[in-house]
PDB file of N, CA and C in Angstrom:
ATOM      1  N   MET A   1       1.062  -1.166   0.087  1.00  0.00           N
ATOM      2  CA  MET A   1      -0.031  -0.043   0.042  1.00  0.00           C
ATOM      3  C   MET A   1       0.831   1.228   0.241  1.00  0.00           C
ATOM      4  N   TYR A   2       2.092   1.238   0.754  1.00  0.00           N
ATOM      5  CA  TYR A   2       2.837   2.411   0.932  1.00  0.00           C
ATOM      6  C   TYR A   2       3.188   2.762  -0.561  1.00  0.00           C
ATOM      7  N   ALA A   3       3.739   1.641  -1.332  1.00  0.00           N
ATOM      8  CA  ALA A   3       4.409   1.719  -2.693  1.00  0.00           C
ATOM      9  C   ALA A   3       3.140   2.612  -3.466  1.00  0.00           C
ATOM     10  N   LEU A   4       2.072   1.764  -3.490  1.00  0.00           N
ATOM     11  CA  LEU A   4       1.003   2.618  -4.215  1.00  0.00           C
ATOM     12  C   LEU A   4       0.712   3.753  -3.895  1.00  0.00           C
ATOM     13  N   GLN A   5       1.006   4.390  -2.795  1.00  0.00           N
ATOM     14  CA  GLN A   5       0.646   5.535  -2.432  1.00  0.00           C
ATOM     15  C   GLN A   5       1.588   6.542  -2.709  1.00  0.00           C
ATOM     16  N   HIS A   6       2.987   6.234  -2.935  1.00  0.00           N
ATOM     17  CA  HIS A   6       4.067   7.126  -2.949  1.00  0.00           C
ATOM     18  C   HIS A   6       4.888   6.860  -4.213  1.00  0.00           C
ATOM     19  N   LEU A   7       4.764   5.961  -5.099  1.00  0.00           N
ATOM     20  CA  LEU A   7       5.453   5.758  -6.287  1.00  0.00           C
ATOM     21  C   LEU A   7       4.736   6.482  -7.448  1.00  0.00           C
ATOM     22  N   LYS A   8       5.320   7.182  -8.264  1.00  0.00           N
ATOM     23  CA  LYS A   8       4.955   8.057  -9.566  1.00  0.00           C
ATOM     24  C   LYS A   8       5.076   7.088 -10.614  1.00  0.00           C
ATOM     25  N   SER A   9       4.236   6.991 -11.766  1.00  0.00           N
ATOM     26  CA  SER A   9       4.224   6.214 -13.026  1.00  0.00           C
ATOM     27  C   SER A   9       5.578   6.432 -13.493  1.00  0.00           C
ATOM     28  N   GLU A  10       6.160   7.571 -13.562  1.00  0.00           N
ATOM     29  CA  GLU A  10       7.590   7.509 -14.011  1.00  0.00           C
ATOM     30  C   GLU A  10       8.680   6.930 -13.200  1.00  0.00           C
ATOM     31  N   ASP A  11       8.306   6.510 -12.092  1.00  0.00           N
ATOM     32  CA  ASP A  11       9.385   5.623 -11.172  1.00  0.00           C
ATOM     33  C   ASP A  11       9.383   4.536 -11.967  1.00  0.00           C
ATOM     34  N   GLY A  12       8.483   3.869 -12.851  1.00  0.00           N
ATOM     35  CA  GLY A  12       8.607   2.566 -13.439  1.00  0.00           C
ATOM     36  C   GLY A  12       8.507   1.403 -12.669  1.00  0.00           C
ATOM     37  N   PRO A  13       9.037   0.241 -12.906  1.00  0.00           N
ATOM     38  CA  PRO A  13       8.793  -0.989 -12.069  1.00  0.00           C
ATOM     39  C   PRO A  13       9.734  -0.970 -10.743  1.00  0.00           C
ATOM     40  N   VAL A  14       9.465  -1.466  -9.681  1.00  0.00           N
ATOM     41  CA  VAL A  14      10.315  -1.633  -8.482  1.00  0.00           C
ATOM     42  C   VAL A  14      10.332  -3.178  -8.061  1.00  0.00           C
ATOM     43  N   ASN A  15      11.457  -3.603  -8.042  1.00  0.00           N
ATOM     44  CA  ASN A  15      11.501  -5.073  -7.592  1.00  0.00           C
ATOM     45  C   ASN A  15      11.712  -5.217  -5.814  1.00  0.00           C
ATOM     46  N   LEU A  16      11.041  -6.192  -5.481  1.00  0.00           N
ATOM     47  CA  LEU A  16      11.258  -6.293  -4.038  1.00  0.00           C
ATOM     48  C   LEU A  16      11.620  -7.590  -3.738  1.00  0.00           C
ATOM     49  N   GLY A  17      12.734  -7.567  -3.434  1.00  0.00           N
ATOM     50  CA  GLY A  17      13.581  -8.840  -3.203  1.00  0.00           C
ATOM     51  C   GLY A  17      14.550  -8.835  -1.939  1.00  0.00           C
ATOM     52  N   SER A  18      15.409  -9.694  -1.660  1.00  0.00           N
ATOM     53  CA  SER A  18      16.302  -9.799  -0.341  1.00  0.00           C
ATOM     54  C   SER A  18      17.613  -9.505  -0.838  1.00  0.00           C
ATOM     55  N   GLY A  19      17.937  -9.730  -2.172  1.00  0.00           N
ATOM     56  CA  GLY A  19      19.074  -9.676  -2.342  1.00  0.00           C
ATOM     57  C   GLY A  19      20.112 -10.911  -2.094  1.00  0.00           C
ATOM     58  N   PHE A  20      19.163 -11.894  -1.886  1.00  0.00           N
ATOM     59  CA  PHE A  20      19.597 -13.353  -1.525  1.00  0.00           C
ATOM     60  C   PHE A  20      19.564 -14.171  -3.032  1.00  0.00           C
ATOM     61  N   GLU A  21      20.593 -14.822  -3.173  1.00  0.00           N
ATOM     62  CA  GLU A  21      20.477 -15.704  -4.210  1.00  0.00           C
ATOM     63  C   GLU A  21      20.555 -17.316  -4.389  1.00  0.00           C
ATOM     64  N   ILE A  22      19.223 -17.746  -4.696  1.00  0.00           N
ATOM     65  CA  ILE A  22      18.766 -19.171  -4.632  1.00  0.00           C
ATOM     66  C   ILE A  22      18.466 -19.937  -5.939  1.00  0.00           C
ATOM     67  N   SER A  23      18.663 -20.773  -6.209  1.00  0.00           N
ATOM     68  CA  SER A  23      18.585 -21.736  -7.456  1.00  0.00           C
ATOM     69  C   SER A  23      17.201 -22.289  -7.149  1.00  0.00           C
ATOM     70  N   ILE A  24      16.470 -22.449  -8.465  1.00  0.00           N
ATOM     71  CA  ILE A  24      15.158 -22.759  -8.492  1.00  0.00           C
ATOM     72  C   ILE A  24      15.111 -24.389  -7.813  1.00  0.00           C
ATOM     73  N   LYS A  25      16.329 -25.240  -7.931  1.00  0.00           N
ATOM     74  CA  LYS A  25      16.347 -26.530  -7.541  1.00  0.00           C
ATOM     75  C   LYS A  25      16.395 -26.528  -5.646  1.00  0.00           C
ATOM     76  N   HIS A  26      17.237 -25.557  -5.433  1.00  0.00           N
ATOM     77  CA  HIS A  26      17.514 -25.524  -3.916  1.00  0.00           C
ATOM     78  C   HIS A  26      16.293 -24.826  -3.245  1.00  0.00           C
ATOM     79  N   LEU A  27      15.306 -23.882  -4.193  1.00  0.00           N
ATOM     80  CA  LEU A  27      13.947 -23.542  -3.752  1.00  0.00           C
ATOM     81  C   LEU A  27      13.002 -24.834  -3.491  1.00  0.00           C
ATOM     82  N   ALA A  28      12.926 -25.370  -4.585  1.00  0.00           N
ATOM     83  CA  ALA A  28      12.155 -26.543  -4.714  1.00  0.00           C
ATOM     84  C   ALA A  28      12.371 -27.726  -3.597  1.00  0.00           C
ATOM     85  N   LEU A  29      13.673 -27.890  -3.684  1.00  0.00           N
ATOM     86  CA  LEU A  29      14.216 -29.015  -2.196  1.00  0.00           C
ATOM     87  C   LEU A  29      13.946 -28.571  -0.819  1.00  0.00           C
ATOM     88  N   THR A  30      14.097 -27.093  -0.748  1.00  0.00           N
ATOM     89  CA  THR A  30      13.759 -26.551   0.592  1.00  0.00           C
ATOM     90  C   THR A  30      12.239 -26.719   1.016  1.00  0.00           C
ATOM     91  N   ILE A  31      11.426 -26.180  -0.077  1.00  0.00           N
ATOM     92  CA  ILE A  31       9.939 -26.181   0.117  1.00  0.00           C
ATOM     93  C   ILE A  31       9.540 -27.484   0.243  1.00  0.00           C
ATOM     94  N   LYS A  32      10.171 -28.681  -0.438  1.00  0.00           N
ATOM     95  CA  LYS A  32       9.945 -30.176  -0.198  1.00  0.00           C
ATOM     96  C   LYS A  32      10.065 -30.358   1.477  1.00  0.00           C
ATOM     97  N   ALA A  33      11.055 -29.995   1.625  1.00  0.00           N
ATOM     98  CA  ALA A  33      11.339 -30.435   3.154  1.00  0.00           C
ATOM     99  C   ALA A  33      10.476 -29.701   4.091  1.00  0.00           C
ATOM    100  N   MET A  34      10.110 -28.568   3.608  1.00  0.00           N
ATOM    101  CA  MET A  34       9.210 -27.929   4.633  1.00  0.00           C
ATOM    102  C   MET A  34       7.963 -28.575   4.784  1.00  0.00           C
ATOM    103  N   VAL A  35       7.390 -29.036   3.906  1.00  0.00           N
ATOM    104  CA  VAL A  35       6.052 -29.514   3.630  1.00  0.00           C
ATOM    105  C   VAL A  35       6.125 -30.961   3.792  1.00  0.00           C
ATOM    106  N   ASP A  36       7.303 -31.456   4.376  1.00  0.00           N
ATOM    107  CA  ASP A  36       7.529 -33.015   4.381  1.00  0.00           C
ATOM    108  C   ASP A  36       6.897 -33.817   3.364  1.00  0.00           C
ATOM    109  N   TYR A  37       6.961 -33.412   1.946  1.00  0.00           N
ATOM    110  CA  TYR A  37       6.815 -34.192   0.777  1.00  0.00           C
ATOM    111  C   TYR A  37       7.720 -35.176   0.454  1.00  0.00           C
ATOM    112  N   GLN A  38       7.371 -36.399   0.225  1.00  0.00           N
ATOM    113  CA  GLN A  38       7.886 -37.740   0.399  1.00  0.00           C
ATOM    114  C   GLN A  38       8.354 -37.990  -1.204  1.00  0.00           C
ATOM    115  N   GLY A  39       7.430 -37.316  -2.092  1.00  0.00           N
ATOM    116  CA  GLY A  39       7.604 -37.786  -3.457  1.00  0.00           C
ATOM    117  C   GLY A  39       8.939 -37.070  -4.170  1.00  0.00           C
ATOM    118  N   GLU A  40       8.853 -37.634  -5.177  1.00  0.00           N
ATOM    119  CA  GLU A  40      10.217 -37.010  -6.216  1.00  0.00           C
ATOM    120  C   GLU A  40       9.752 -35.800  -6.914  1.00  0.00           C
ATOM    121  N   ILE A  41      10.732 -34.916  -7.141  1.00  0.00           N
ATOM    122  CA  ILE A  41      10.509 -33.444  -7.929  1.00  0.00           C
ATOM    123  C   ILE A  41      11.192 -34.146  -9.477  1.00  0.00           C
ATOM    124  N   GLU A  42       9.733 -33.826 -10.155  1.00  0.00           N
ATOM    125  CA  GLU A  42      10.564 -34.189 -11.599  1.00  0.00           C
ATOM    126  C   GLU A  42      11.023 -33.169 -12.301  1.00  0.00           C
ATOM    127  N   TRP A  43      12.250 -33.204 -12.985  1.00  0.00           N
ATOM    128  CA  TRP A  43      12.501 -31.996 -13.809  1.00  0.00           C
ATOM    129  C   TRP A  43      12.696 -32.459 -15.340  1.00  0.00           C
ATOM    130  N   ASP A  44      12.116 -31.522 -15.961  1.00  0.00           N
ATOM    131  CA  ASP A  44      11.906 -31.827 -17.170  1.00  0.00           C
ATOM    132  C   ASP A  44      12.976 -31.196 -18.035  1.00  0.00           C
ATOM    133  N   HIS A  45      14.104 -32.158 -18.415  1.00  0.00           N
ATOM    134  CA  HIS A  45      15.205 -32.124 -18.749  1.00  0.00           C
ATOM    135  C   HIS A  45      15.159 -31.788 -20.525  1.00  0.00           C
ATOM    136  N   SER A  46      14.214 -31.777 -21.009  1.00  0.00           N
ATOM    137  CA  SER A  46      14.163 -31.502 -22.443  1.00  0.00           C
ATOM    138  C   SER A  46      13.698 -29.841 -22.497  1.00  0.00           C
ATOM    139  N   MET A  47      13.481 -29.266 -21.288  1.00  0.00           N
ATOM    140  CA  MET A  47      13.533 -27.944 -21.340  1.00  0.00           C
ATOM    141  C   MET A  47      14.836 -26.901 -21.203  1.00  0.00           C
ATOM    142  N   PRO A  48      14.822 -26.086 -21.729  1.00  0.00           N
ATOM    143  CA  PRO A  48      16.276 -25.196 -21.172  1.00  0.00           C
ATOM    144  C   PRO A  48      16.310 -24.504 -19.758  1.00  0.00           C
ATOM    145  N   ASN A  49      17.468 -24.654 -19.338  1.00  0.00           N
ATOM    146  CA  ASN A  49      17.804 -24.319 -17.945  1.00  0.00           C
ATOM    147  C   ASN A  49      17.226 -22.875 -17.686  1.00  0.00           C
ATOM    148  N   GLY A  50      17.724 -22.148 -18.605  1.00  0.00           N
ATOM    149  CA  GLY A  50      17.191 -20.595 -18.335  1.00  0.00           C
ATOM    150  C   GLY A  50      18.544 -20.155 -17.574  1.00  0.00           C
ATOM    151  N   GLN A  51      18.413 -18.854 -16.980  1.00  0.00           N
ATOM    152  CA  GLN A  51      19.684 -18.515 -16.138  1.00  0.00           C
ATOM    153  C   GLN A  51      19.824 -19.394 -14.938  1.00  0.00           C
ATOM    154  N   PRO A  52      21.048 -19.777 -14.640  1.00  0.00           N
ATOM    155  CA  PRO A  52      21.138 -20.679 -13.474  1.00  0.00           C
ATOM    156  C   PRO A  52      21.175 -19.966 -12.256  1.00  0.00           C
ATOM    157  N   ASN A  53      21.327 -18.534 -11.995  1.00  0.00           N
ATOM    158  CA  ASN A  53      21.423 -18.058 -10.888  1.00  0.00           C
ATOM    159  C   ASN A  53      20.930 -16.432 -11.183  1.00  0.00           C
ATOM    160  N   ARG A  54      19.910 -16.043 -10.378  1.00  0.00           N
ATOM    161  CA  ARG A  54      19.876 -14.449 -10.440  1.00  0.00           C
ATOM    162  C   ARG A  54      19.383 -13.973  -9.184  1.00  0.00           C
ATOM    163  N   VAL A  55      20.090 -12.652  -8.876  1.00  0.00           N
ATOM    164  CA  VAL A  55      19.701 -12.092  -7.910  1.00  0.00           C
ATOM    165  C   VAL A  55      18.965 -10.918  -8.042  1.00  0.00           C
ATOM    166  N   LEU A  56      17.758 -10.630  -7.333  1.00  0.00           N
ATOM    167  CA  LEU A  56      16.884  -9.605  -7.595  1.00  0.00           C
ATOM    168  C   LEU A  56      17.376  -8.253  -6.614  1.00  0.00           C
ATOM    169  N   SER A  57      17.597  -7.352  -7.309  1.00  0.00           N
ATOM    170  CA  SER A  57      17.980  -6.018  -6.803  1.00  0.00           C
ATOM    171  C   SER A  57      16.820  -5.139  -6.228  1.00  0.00           C
ATOM    172  N   SER A  58      16.895  -5.042  -4.954  1.00  0.00           N
ATOM    173  CA  SER A  58      15.736  -4.133  -4.746  1.00  0.00           C
ATOM    174  C   SER A  58      16.345  -2.652  -4.191  1.00  0.00           C
ATOM    175  N   ALA A  59      17.558  -2.379  -4.872  1.00  0.00           N
ATOM    176  CA  ALA A  59      18.144  -1.222  -4.682  1.00  0.00           C
ATOM    177  C   ALA A  59      17.140   0.267  -4.905  1.00  0.00           C
ATOM    178  N   LYS A  60      16.623  -0.009  -5.909  1.00  0.00           N
ATOM    179  CA  LYS A  60      15.560   0.955  -6.309  1.00  0.00           C
ATOM    180  C   LYS A  60      14.644   1.043  -5.470  1.00  0.00           C
ATOM    181  N   ALA A  61      14.051   0.106  -4.870  1.00  0.00           N
ATOM    182  CA  ALA A  61      13.084   0.064  -3.777  1.00  0.00           C
ATOM    183  C   ALA A  61      13.546   0.714  -2.514  1.00  0.00           C
ATOM    184  N   TYR A  62      14.727   0.536  -2.185  1.00  0.00           N
ATOM    185  CA  TYR A  62      15.274   1.253  -1.003  1.00  0.00           C
ATOM    186  C   TYR A  62      15.343   2.488  -1.177  1.00  0.00           C
ATOM    187  N   LYS A  63      16.025   3.130  -2.560  1.00  0.00           N
ATOM    188  CA  LYS A  63      16.183   4.439  -2.845  1.00  0.00           C
ATOM    189  C   LYS A  63      14.900   5.435  -2.730  1.00  0.00           C
ATOM    190  N   LEU A  64      13.858   4.612  -3.578  1.00  0.00           N
ATOM    191  CA  LEU A  64      12.603   5.521  -3.511  1.00  0.00           C
ATOM    192  C   LEU A  64      11.509   5.157  -2.350  1.00  0.00           C
ATOM    193  N   LEU A  65      11.737   4.238  -1.841  1.00  0.00           N
ATOM    194  CA  LEU A  65      10.826   4.071  -0.734  1.00  0.00           C
ATOM    195  C   LEU A  65      11.536   3.484   0.642  1.00  0.00           C
ATOM    196  N   ALA A  66      12.918   3.778   0.756  1.00  0.00           N
ATOM    197  CA  ALA A  66      13.524   3.530   2.126  1.00  0.00           C
ATOM    198  C   ALA A  66      12.917   1.907   2.331  1.00  0.00           C
ATOM    199  N   TRP A  67      12.749   0.993   1.462  1.00  0.00           N
ATOM    200  CA  TRP A  67      12.279  -0.299   1.473  1.00  0.00           C
ATOM    201  C   TRP A  67      13.393  -1.385   1.697  1.00  0.00           C
ATOM    202  N   GLN A  68      13.464  -2.206   2.733  1.00  0.00           N
ATOM    203  CA  GLN A  68      14.207  -3.154   2.534  1.00  0.00           C
ATOM    204  C   GLN A  68      13.809  -4.560   3.329  1.00  0.00           C
ATOM    205  N   SER A  69      14.052  -5.779   2.783  1.00  0.00           N
ATOM    206  CA  SER A  69      13.509  -7.257   3.132  1.00  0.00           C
ATOM    207  C   SER A  69      13.775  -7.164   4.764  1.00  0.00           C
ATOM    208  N   LYS A  70      12.876  -7.786   5.564  1.00  0.00           N
ATOM    209  CA  LYS A  70      12.940  -7.648   6.831  1.00  0.00           C
ATOM    210  C   LYS A  70      12.772  -9.289   7.428  1.00  0.00           C
ATOM    211  N   ILE A  71      12.240 -10.047   6.380  1.00  0.00           N
ATOM    212  CA  ILE A  71      12.083 -11.120   6.896  1.00  0.00           C
ATOM    213  C   ILE A  71      12.996 -12.412   6.087  1.00  0.00           C
ATOM    214  N   SER A  72      13.391 -13.397   6.545  1.00  0.00           N
ATOM    215  CA  SER A  72      14.058 -14.403   5.810  1.00  0.00           C
ATOM    216  C   SER A  72      13.218 -15.080   4.883  1.00  0.00           C
ATOM    217  N   LEU A  73      13.998 -15.651   3.772  1.00  0.00           N
ATOM    218  CA  LEU A  73      13.124 -16.539   3.265  1.00  0.00           C
ATOM    219  C   LEU A  73      12.659 -17.822   3.742  1.00  0.00           C
ATOM    220  N   THR A  74      13.246 -18.357   4.695  1.00  0.00           N
ATOM    221  CA  THR A  74      12.674 -19.786   5.439  1.00  0.00           C
ATOM    222  C   THR A  74      11.402 -19.098   6.226  1.00  0.00           C
ATOM    223  N   ASP A  75      11.705 -17.966   6.801  1.00  0.00           N
ATOM    224  CA  ASP A  75      10.544 -17.454   7.717  1.00  0.00           C
ATOM    225  C   ASP A  75       9.132 -17.069   6.440  1.00  0.00           C
ATOM    226  N   GLY A  76       9.530 -16.298   5.548  1.00  0.00           N
ATOM    227  CA  GLY A  76       8.732 -16.335   4.453  1.00  0.00           C
ATOM    228  C   GLY A  76       7.983 -17.380   3.921  1.00  0.00           C
ATOM    229  N   LEU A  77       8.561 -18.228   3.577  1.00  0.00           N
ATOM    230  CA  LEU A  77       8.192 -19.480   3.139  1.00  0.00           C
ATOM    231  C   LEU A  77       7.235 -20.412   4.223  1.00  0.00           C
ATOM    232  N   LYS A  78       7.811 -20.295   5.581  1.00  0.00           N
ATOM    233  CA  LYS A  78       6.961 -20.851   6.563  1.00  0.00           C
ATOM    234  C   LYS A  78       5.513 -20.287   6.751  1.00  0.00           C
ATOM    235  N   GLU A  79       5.569 -18.851   6.687  1.00  0.00           N
ATOM    236  CA  GLU A  79       4.460 -18.258   6.987  1.00  0.00           C
ATOM    237  C   GLU A  79       3.567 -18.168   5.654  1.00  0.00           C
ATOM    238  N   THR A  80       3.872 -18.658   4.412  1.00  0.00           N
ATOM    239  CA  THR A  80       3.204 -18.737   3.212  1.00  0.00           C
ATOM    240  C   THR A  80       2.512 -19.909   3.120  1.00  0.00           C
ATOM    241  N   ILE A  81       3.448 -20.996   3.580  1.00  0.00           N
ATOM    242  CA  ILE A  81       2.676 -22.362   3.723  1.00  0.00           C
ATOM    243  C   ILE A  81       1.648 -22.568   4.573  1.00  0.00           C
ATOM    244  N   GLU A  82       1.854 -21.770   5.805  1.00  0.00           N
ATOM    245  CA  GLU A  82       0.948 -22.046   6.889  1.00  0.00           C
ATOM    246  C   GLU A  82      -0.186 -21.340   6.711  1.00  0.00           C
ATOM    247  N   TRP A  83      -0.092 -20.336   5.543  1.00  0.00           N
ATOM    248  CA  TRP A  83      -1.522 -19.488   5.380  1.00  0.00           C
ATOM    249  C   TRP A  83      -2.180 -20.390   4.076  1.00  0.00           C
ATOM    250  N   TYR A  84      -1.532 -21.022   3.332  1.00  0.00           N
ATOM    251  CA  TYR A  84      -2.185 -21.777   2.281  1.00  0.00           C
ATOM    252  C   TYR A  84      -2.643 -23.235   2.839  1.00  0.00           C
ATOM    253  N   LEU A  85      -1.985 -23.813   3.980  1.00  0.00           N
ATOM    254  CA  LEU A  85      -2.938 -24.776   4.380  1.00  0.00           C
ATOM    255  C   LEU A  85      -3.964 -24.359   5.148  1.00  0.00           C
ATOM    256  N   ALA A  86      -3.976 -23.280   5.895  1.00  0.00           N
ATOM    257  CA  ALA A  86      -5.293 -22.873   6.615  1.00  0.00           C
ATOM    258  C   ALA A  86      -6.394 -22.472   5.607  1.00  0.00           C
ATOM    259  N   ASN A  87      -5.862 -21.837   4.504  1.00  0.00           N
ATOM    260  CA  ASN A  87      -6.937 -21.246   3.610  1.00  0.00           C
ATOM    261  C   ASN A  87      -7.334 -22.044   2.405  1.00  0.00           C
ATOM    262  N   ARG A  88      -6.810 -23.103   2.113  1.00  0.00           N
ATOM    263  CA  ARG A  88      -7.123 -24.102   0.754  1.00  0.00           C
ATOM    264  C   ARG A  88      -8.478 -24.656   1.027  1.00  0.00           C
ATOM    265  N   HIS A  89      -9.106 -24.802  -0.092  1.00  0.00           N
ATOM    266  CA  HIS A  89     -10.490 -25.574  -0.003  1.00  0.00           C
ATOM    267  C   HIS A  89     -10.531 -26.781  -0.794  1.00  0.00           C
TER     268      HIS A  89
END
């Protein structure tokens, strides 16, 4: 809400991220462990890998909004999983 109220259209898009780098594989394995999923993750090796690593910079968000991430990836995933489990139908 703060960003909607304070950013101007000429500011353009603003990334919100932690500056923390993680691969999709590591993220998937982390979520798998957190939800105690016992199955296998299937990777489609016929598809391109894309970028192996990418770090989302939120420097613009800090410059324009004085915003920085205050929650760890693990804590954010935990809260998201808990919310999902409580709200799925």
